[in-house]
C-alpha atoms as a PDB file:
ATOM      1  CA  MET A   1      12.680  18.288 -11.031  1.00  0.00           C
ATOM      2  CA  GLY A   2      13.949  20.100  -7.924  1.00  0.00           C
ATOM      3  CA  ILE A   3      16.746  17.553  -7.293  1.00  0.00           C
ATOM      4  CA  LEU A   4      20.355  17.173  -8.338  1.00  0.00           C
ATOM      5  CA  LEU A   5      20.583  14.048 -10.492  1.00  0.00           C
ATOM      6  CA  LEU A   6      24.375  13.659 -10.272  1.00  0.00           C
ATOM      7  CA  ASN A   7      25.141  10.651  -8.079  1.00  0.00           C
ATOM      8  CA  PHE A   8      21.423  10.164  -7.576  1.00  0.00           C
ATOM      9  CA  PRO A   9      20.868   6.534  -6.553  1.00  0.00           C
ATOM     10  CA  ARG A  10      18.552   4.401  -8.642  1.00  0.00           C
ATOM     11  CA  LEU A  11      15.127   4.309  -7.079  1.00  0.00           C
ATOM     12  CA  VAL A  12      13.197   1.103  -7.639  1.00  0.00           C
ATOM     13  CA  LEU A  13       9.609   0.340  -6.720  1.00  0.00           C
ATOM     14  CA  ALA A  14       9.194  -3.382  -6.042  1.00  0.00           C
ATOM     15  CA  SER A  15       5.551  -3.626  -7.014  1.00  0.00           C
ATOM     16  CA  THR A  16       3.015  -4.512  -9.687  1.00  0.00           C
ATOM     17  CA  SER A  17       0.482  -2.026  -8.291  1.00  0.00           C
ATOM     18  CA  PRO A  18      -0.526   0.832 -10.610  1.00  0.00           C
ATOM     19  CA  TYR A  19      -1.750   2.718  -7.529  1.00  0.00           C
ATOM     20  CA  ARG A  20       1.695   2.669  -5.893  1.00  0.00           C
ATOM     21  CA  ARG A  21       3.309   3.686  -9.161  1.00  0.00           C
ATOM     22  CA  GLU A  22       1.008   6.701  -9.443  1.00  0.00           C
ATOM     23  CA  LEU A  23       1.656   7.679  -5.829  1.00  0.00           C
ATOM     24  CA  LEU A  24       5.445   7.461  -6.130  1.00  0.00           C
ATOM     25  CA  ALA A  25       5.296   9.632  -9.259  1.00  0.00           C
ATOM     26  CA  ARG A  26       3.953  12.461  -7.053  1.00  0.00           C
ATOM     27  CA  LEU A  27       7.439  12.879  -5.560  1.00  0.00           C
ATOM     28  CA  ARG A  28       8.773  13.742  -9.037  1.00  0.00           C
ATOM     29  CA  LEU A  29      11.802  11.510  -8.658  1.00  0.00           C
ATOM     30  CA  PRO A  30      13.079   9.258 -11.451  1.00  0.00           C
ATOM     31  CA  PHE A  31      12.282   5.654 -10.602  1.00  0.00           C
ATOM     32  CA  GLU A  32      11.986   2.199 -12.088  1.00  0.00           C
ATOM     33  CA  VAL A  33       9.400  -0.491 -11.411  1.00  0.00           C
ATOM     34  CA  GLU A  34      10.210  -4.156 -10.923  1.00  0.00           C
ATOM     35  CA  PRO A  35       7.668  -6.881 -10.053  1.00  0.00           C
ATOM     36  CA  PRO A  36       8.902  -8.683  -6.930  1.00  0.00           C
ATOM     37  CA  GLY A  37       7.273 -12.004  -7.802  1.00  0.00           C
ATOM     38  CA  VAL A  38       6.801 -13.146  -4.212  1.00  0.00           C
ATOM     39  CA  ASP A  39       4.176 -15.265  -2.452  1.00  0.00           C
ATOM     40  CA  GLU A  40       1.877 -12.838  -0.658  1.00  0.00           C
ATOM     41  CA  ALA A  41       0.070 -15.420   1.457  1.00  0.00           C
ATOM     42  CA  ALA A  42      -0.134 -14.769   5.184  1.00  0.00           C
ATOM     43  CA  LEU A  43       1.668 -17.094   7.566  1.00  0.00           C
ATOM     44  CA  ALA A  44      -0.256 -19.131  10.120  1.00  0.00           C
ATOM     45  CA  GLY A  45      -0.990 -17.112  13.242  1.00  0.00           C
ATOM     46  CA  GLU A  46       0.385 -13.918  11.719  1.00  0.00           C
ATOM     47  CA  SER A  47      -1.399 -10.648  12.502  1.00  0.00           C
ATOM     48  CA  ALA A  48      -2.503  -8.324   9.707  1.00  0.00           C
ATOM     49  CA  SER A  49       0.115  -5.724  10.640  1.00  0.00           C
ATOM     50  CA  ASP A  50       2.879  -8.351  10.800  1.00  0.00           C
ATOM     51  CA  THR A  51       1.873  -9.725   7.409  1.00  0.00           C
ATOM     52  CA  ALA A  52       2.009  -6.289   5.791  1.00  0.00           C
ATOM     53  CA  LEU A  53       5.388  -5.462   7.332  1.00  0.00           C
ATOM     54  CA  ARG A  54       6.911  -8.835   6.435  1.00  0.00           C
ATOM     55  CA  LEU A  55       5.706  -8.671   2.835  1.00  0.00           C
ATOM     56  CA  ALA A  56       6.974  -5.110   2.361  1.00  0.00           C
ATOM     57  CA  GLN A  57      10.441  -6.312   3.366  1.00  0.00           C
ATOM     58  CA  VAL A  58      10.214  -9.519   1.322  1.00  0.00           C
ATOM     59  CA  LYS A  59       9.321  -7.516  -1.795  1.00  0.00           C
ATOM     60  CA  ALA A  60      12.238  -5.115  -1.343  1.00  0.00           C
ATOM     61  CA  ARG A  61      14.699  -7.942  -0.659  1.00  0.00           C
ATOM     62  CA  ALA A  62      13.481  -9.912  -3.692  1.00  0.00           C
ATOM     63  CA  VAL A  63      14.238  -7.049  -6.066  1.00  0.00           C
ATOM     64  CA  ALA A  64      17.409  -5.602  -4.455  1.00  0.00           C
ATOM     65  CA  PRO A  65      19.904  -8.180  -5.836  1.00  0.00           C
ATOM     66  CA  ARG A  66      18.933  -7.183  -9.387  1.00  0.00           C
ATOM     67  CA  TYR A  67      19.624  -3.501  -8.670  1.00  0.00           C
ATOM     68  CA  PRO A  68      23.035  -2.892  -7.093  1.00  0.00           C
ATOM     69  CA  GLY A  69      23.500   0.670  -5.862  1.00  0.00           C
ATOM     70  CA  ALA A  70      19.762   1.264  -5.619  1.00  0.00           C
ATOM     71  CA  LEU A  71      17.184   2.257  -3.052  1.00  0.00           C
ATOM     72  CA  VAL A  72      14.420  -0.324  -3.294  1.00  0.00           C
ATOM     73  CA  ILE A  73      10.897   0.379  -2.044  1.00  0.00           C
ATOM     74  CA  GLY A  74       8.630  -2.422  -0.898  1.00  0.00           C
ATOM     75  CA  SER A  75       5.099  -1.889   0.352  1.00  0.00           C
ATOM     76  CA  ASP A  76       2.099  -3.986   1.267  1.00  0.00           C
ATOM     77  CA  GLN A  77      -1.361  -3.341   2.621  1.00  0.00           C
ATOM     78  CA  VAL A  78      -3.574  -5.624   4.695  1.00  0.00           C
ATOM     79  CA  ALA A  79      -7.020  -4.629   5.920  1.00  0.00           C
ATOM     80  CA  ALA A  80      -8.490  -6.095   9.103  1.00  0.00           C
ATOM     81  CA  LEU A  81     -11.994  -6.123  10.553  1.00  0.00           C
ATOM     82  CA  ASP A  82     -12.136  -7.163  14.214  1.00  0.00           C
ATOM     83  CA  GLY A  83      -8.689  -8.671  13.760  1.00  0.00           C
ATOM     84  CA  GLU A  84      -9.778 -10.780  10.769  1.00  0.00           C
ATOM     85  CA  ARG A  85      -7.808 -10.198   7.587  1.00  0.00           C
ATOM     86  CA  LEU A  86      -9.613  -8.783   4.530  1.00  0.00           C
ATOM     87  CA  GLY A  87      -7.589  -9.543   1.418  1.00  0.00           C
ATOM     88  CA  LYS A  88      -8.083  -8.588  -2.198  1.00  0.00           C
ATOM     89  CA  PRO A  89     -11.455 -10.079  -3.114  1.00  0.00           C
ATOM     90  CA  GLY A  90     -10.567 -11.258  -6.619  1.00  0.00           C
ATOM     91  CA  SER A  91     -14.221 -11.828  -7.494  1.00  0.00           C
ATOM     92  CA  HIS A  92     -17.565 -10.057  -7.432  1.00  0.00           C
ATOM     93  CA  GLU A  93     -19.051 -12.459  -4.915  1.00  0.00           C
ATOM     94  CA  ARG A  94     -16.220 -12.045  -2.420  1.00  0.00           C
ATOM     95  CA  ALA A  95     -16.285  -8.260  -2.858  1.00  0.00           C
ATOM     96  CA  VAL A  96     -20.010  -8.198  -2.042  1.00  0.00           C
ATOM     97  CA  ALA A  97     -19.403 -10.289   1.075  1.00  0.00           C
ATOM     98  CA  GLN A  98     -16.570  -8.022   2.224  1.00  0.00           C
ATOM     99  CA  LEU A  99     -18.534  -4.827   1.697  1.00  0.00           C
ATOM    100  CA  LYS A 100     -21.565  -6.214   3.523  1.00  0.00           C
ATOM    101  CA  ALA A 101     -19.366  -7.170   6.468  1.00  0.00           C
ATOM    102  CA  MET A 102     -17.749  -3.700   6.509  1.00  0.00           C
ATOM    103  CA  ARG A 103     -20.839  -1.497   6.367  1.00  0.00           C
ATOM    104  CA  GLY A 104     -21.471   0.439   9.553  1.00  0.00           C
ATOM    105  CA  ARG A 105     -18.116  -0.822  10.884  1.00  0.00           C
ATOM    106  CA  THR A 106     -14.549   0.437  11.246  1.00  0.00           C
ATOM    107  CA  VAL A 107     -11.776  -1.291   9.309  1.00  0.00           C
ATOM    108  CA  LEU A 108      -8.085  -0.899  10.087  1.00  0.00           C
ATOM    109  CA  PHE A 109      -5.837  -0.703   7.022  1.00  0.00           C
ATOM    110  CA  HIS A 110      -2.193  -1.578   7.747  1.00  0.00           C
ATOM    111  CA  THR A 111       0.080  -0.122   5.071  1.00  0.00           C
ATOM    112  CA  ALA A 112       3.669  -1.224   5.542  1.00  0.00           C
ATOM    113  CA  LEU A 113       6.735   0.299   3.946  1.00  0.00           C
ATOM    114  CA  ALA A 114      10.324  -0.877   3.549  1.00  0.00           C
ATOM    115  CA  LEU A 115      13.219   1.069   2.022  1.00  0.00           C
ATOM    116  CA  LEU A 116      16.307  -1.066   1.390  1.00  0.00           C
ATOM    117  CA  ASN A 117      19.692   0.353   0.385  1.00  0.00           C
ATOM    118  CA  SER A 118      21.078  -2.445  -1.777  1.00  0.00           C
ATOM    119  CA  THR A 119      24.634  -1.134  -1.340  1.00  0.00           C
ATOM    120  CA  SER A 120      24.831  -0.764   2.436  1.00  0.00           C
ATOM    121  CA  GLY A 121      22.075  -3.220   3.339  1.00  0.00           C
ATOM    122  CA  ALA A 122      20.449  -0.540   5.504  1.00  0.00           C
ATOM    123  CA  LEU A 123      16.730  -1.211   5.913  1.00  0.00           C
ATOM    124  CA  GLN A 124      14.109   1.260   7.118  1.00  0.00           C
ATOM    125  CA  THR A 125      10.612  -0.014   7.864  1.00  0.00           C
ATOM    126  CA  ALA A 126       7.312   1.406   9.026  1.00  0.00           C
ATOM    127  CA  ASN A 127       3.701   0.369   9.448  1.00  0.00           C
ATOM    128  CA  VAL A 128       1.239   3.199   8.871  1.00  0.00           C
ATOM    129  CA  PRO A 129      -2.290   2.352  10.116  1.00  0.00           C
ATOM    130  CA  THR A 130      -5.430   4.063   8.890  1.00  0.00           C
ATOM    131  CA  GLU A 131      -8.880   3.636  10.454  1.00  0.00           C
ATOM    132  CA  VAL A 132     -11.775   3.823   8.017  1.00  0.00           C
ATOM    133  CA  SER A 133     -15.344   3.952   9.301  1.00  0.00           C
ATOM    134  CA  PHE A 134     -17.838   2.874   6.651  1.00  0.00           C
ATOM    135  CA  ARG A 135     -21.382   4.159   6.597  1.00  0.00           C
ATOM    136  CA  ASP A 136     -24.444   1.936   6.517  1.00  0.00           C
ATOM    137  CA  TYR A 137     -24.772   1.782   2.721  1.00  0.00           C
ATOM    138  CA  THR A 138     -27.395  -0.318   0.929  1.00  0.00           C
ATOM    139  CA  ASP A 139     -27.062  -3.519  -1.100  1.00  0.00           C
ATOM    140  CA  ARG A 140     -27.941  -1.501  -4.192  1.00  0.00           C
ATOM    141  CA  GLU A 141     -25.093   0.929  -3.487  1.00  0.00           C
ATOM    142  CA  ILE A 142     -22.713  -2.017  -3.144  1.00  0.00           C
ATOM    143  CA  GLU A 143     -23.724  -3.395  -6.543  1.00  0.00           C
ATOM    144  CA  ARG A 144     -23.551  -0.004  -8.220  1.00  0.00           C
ATOM    145  CA  TYR A 145     -20.119   0.714  -6.720  1.00  0.00           C
ATOM    146  CA  LEU A 146     -18.759  -2.672  -7.819  1.00  0.00           C
ATOM    147  CA  GLU A 147     -20.214  -2.232 -11.306  1.00  0.00           C
ATOM    148  CA  ILE A 148     -18.432   1.110 -11.726  1.00  0.00           C
ATOM    149  CA  GLU A 149     -15.106   0.540  -9.939  1.00  0.00           C
ATOM    150  CA  ARG A 150     -14.529  -3.247 -10.056  1.00  0.00           C
ATOM    151  CA  PRO A 151     -12.142  -2.973  -7.079  1.00  0.00           C
ATOM    152  CA  TYR A 152     -11.260  -6.667  -7.057  1.00  0.00           C
ATOM    153  CA  ASP A 153      -7.521  -5.960  -6.666  1.00  0.00           C
ATOM    154  CA  CYS A 154      -7.980  -3.685  -3.631  1.00  0.00           C
ATOM    155  CA  SER A 155      -7.711  -4.779   0.008  1.00  0.00           C
ATOM    156  CA  GLY A 156     -11.208  -5.024   1.443  1.00  0.00           C
ATOM    157  CA  SER A 157     -12.698  -4.040  -1.948  1.00  0.00           C
ATOM    158  CA  ALA A 158     -12.109  -0.434  -0.868  1.00  0.00           C
ATOM    159  CA  LYS A 159     -10.985   1.763  -3.760  1.00  0.00           C
ATOM    160  CA  ILE A 160     -10.929   4.908  -1.666  1.00  0.00           C
ATOM    161  CA  GLU A 161      -9.157   6.982  -4.327  1.00  0.00           C
ATOM    162  CA  GLY A 162     -12.156   6.332  -6.563  1.00  0.00           C
ATOM    163  CA  LEU A 163     -15.898   6.007  -5.960  1.00  0.00           C
ATOM    164  CA  GLY A 164     -15.226   4.026  -2.787  1.00  0.00           C
ATOM    165  CA  ILE A 165     -14.941   7.329  -0.952  1.00  0.00           C
ATOM    166  CA  VAL A 166     -18.756   7.647  -1.014  1.00  0.00           C
ATOM    167  CA  LEU A 167     -19.021   4.528   1.151  1.00  0.00           C
ATOM    168  CA  VAL A 168     -16.930   6.150   3.880  1.00  0.00           C
ATOM    169  CA  GLU A 169     -18.087   8.072   6.916  1.00  0.00           C
ATOM    170  CA  ARG A 170     -14.711   8.920   8.490  1.00  0.00           C
ATOM    171  CA  VAL A 171     -10.980   8.377   7.917  1.00  0.00           C
ATOM    172  CA  SER A 172      -8.393   8.659  10.673  1.00  0.00           C
ATOM    173  CA  GLY A 173      -4.659   8.389  10.059  1.00  0.00           C
ATOM    174  CA  ASP A 174      -1.361  10.233   9.837  1.00  0.00           C
ATOM    175  CA  ASP A 175      -0.785   9.881   6.091  1.00  0.00           C
ATOM    176  CA  PRO A 176      -3.582  10.223   3.518  1.00  0.00           C
ATOM    177  CA  SER A 177      -1.534   8.453   0.842  1.00  0.00           C
ATOM    178  CA  ALA A 178      -1.117   5.354   3.033  1.00  0.00           C
ATOM    179  CA  LEU A 179      -4.711   4.319   2.472  1.00  0.00           C
ATOM    180  CA  ILE A 180      -4.182   4.277  -1.299  1.00  0.00           C
ATOM    181  CA  GLY A 181      -1.187   2.001  -0.880  1.00  0.00           C
ATOM    182  CA  LEU A 182       2.099   3.900  -0.379  1.00  0.00           C
ATOM    183  CA  PRO A 183       2.744   6.137   2.673  1.00  0.00           C
ATOM    184  CA  LEU A 184       4.469   9.097   1.029  1.00  0.00           C
ATOM    185  CA  VAL A 185       4.945  11.077   4.249  1.00  0.00           C
ATOM    186  CA  ARG A 186       6.949   8.255   5.809  1.00  0.00           C
ATOM    187  CA  LEU A 187       8.697   7.402   2.537  1.00  0.00           C
ATOM    188  CA  SER A 188       9.839  11.012   2.134  1.00  0.00           C
ATOM    189  CA  ALA A 189      11.416  10.884   5.595  1.00  0.00           C
ATOM    190  CA  MET A 190      13.170   7.606   4.738  1.00  0.00           C
ATOM    191  CA  LEU A 191      14.547   9.061   1.504  1.00  0.00           C
ATOM    192  CA  ARG A 192      15.827  12.106   3.362  1.00  0.00           C
ATOM    193  CA  ASN A 193      17.539   9.735   5.790  1.00  0.00           C
ATOM    194  CA  GLU A 194      19.379   8.345   2.763  1.00  0.00           C
ATOM    195  CA  GLY A 195      20.571  11.848   1.884  1.00  0.00           C
ATOM    196  CA  LEU A 196      18.120  12.683  -0.872  1.00  0.00           C
ATOM    197  CA  THR A 197      16.904  16.244  -1.359  1.00  0.00           C
ATOM    198  CA  LEU A 198      13.290  16.090  -2.446  1.00  0.00           C
ATOM    199  CA  VAL A 199      12.548  19.770  -3.146  1.00  0.00           C
END
């Protein structure tokens, strides 16, 4: 494992996302998963980045009381096109509309992270933005992509870790894992701040 497990704090991922679970597993740390069960609706007048950061903290705080002595990870992602929020489509029709609006455009994905020490109350937060420029794909490509991937639980219908990558022209950001849903570069730094040795 590359870490000393004696006195290793419990690590808890406050999420229902299989994508975040798979990403966290890359760090090869033992961890548990707990659904936060929070309302993820945006507040009136709230920016996309503020929504993501607030929800990451809300998720961590919702789970922390059930895990004393743990480090609790909360994360949330909100995509925005020209400042307008692009949520999870939830349906084929909404996914088509999102992808048509995004083609030939640049979308900003805000991936927020919160690490809460449930013992000390110490909270570390970050917002990791990623710019994604989409190419001018066709309606047929949209339908074929949706048929194969069914990305209805992904912000902006963009399953970049899957076939969605073929819709992309350029990606610009500091952390490639942020776009998939959990910024591992920033999370690793936060865990080191808590005294963990990762390798």
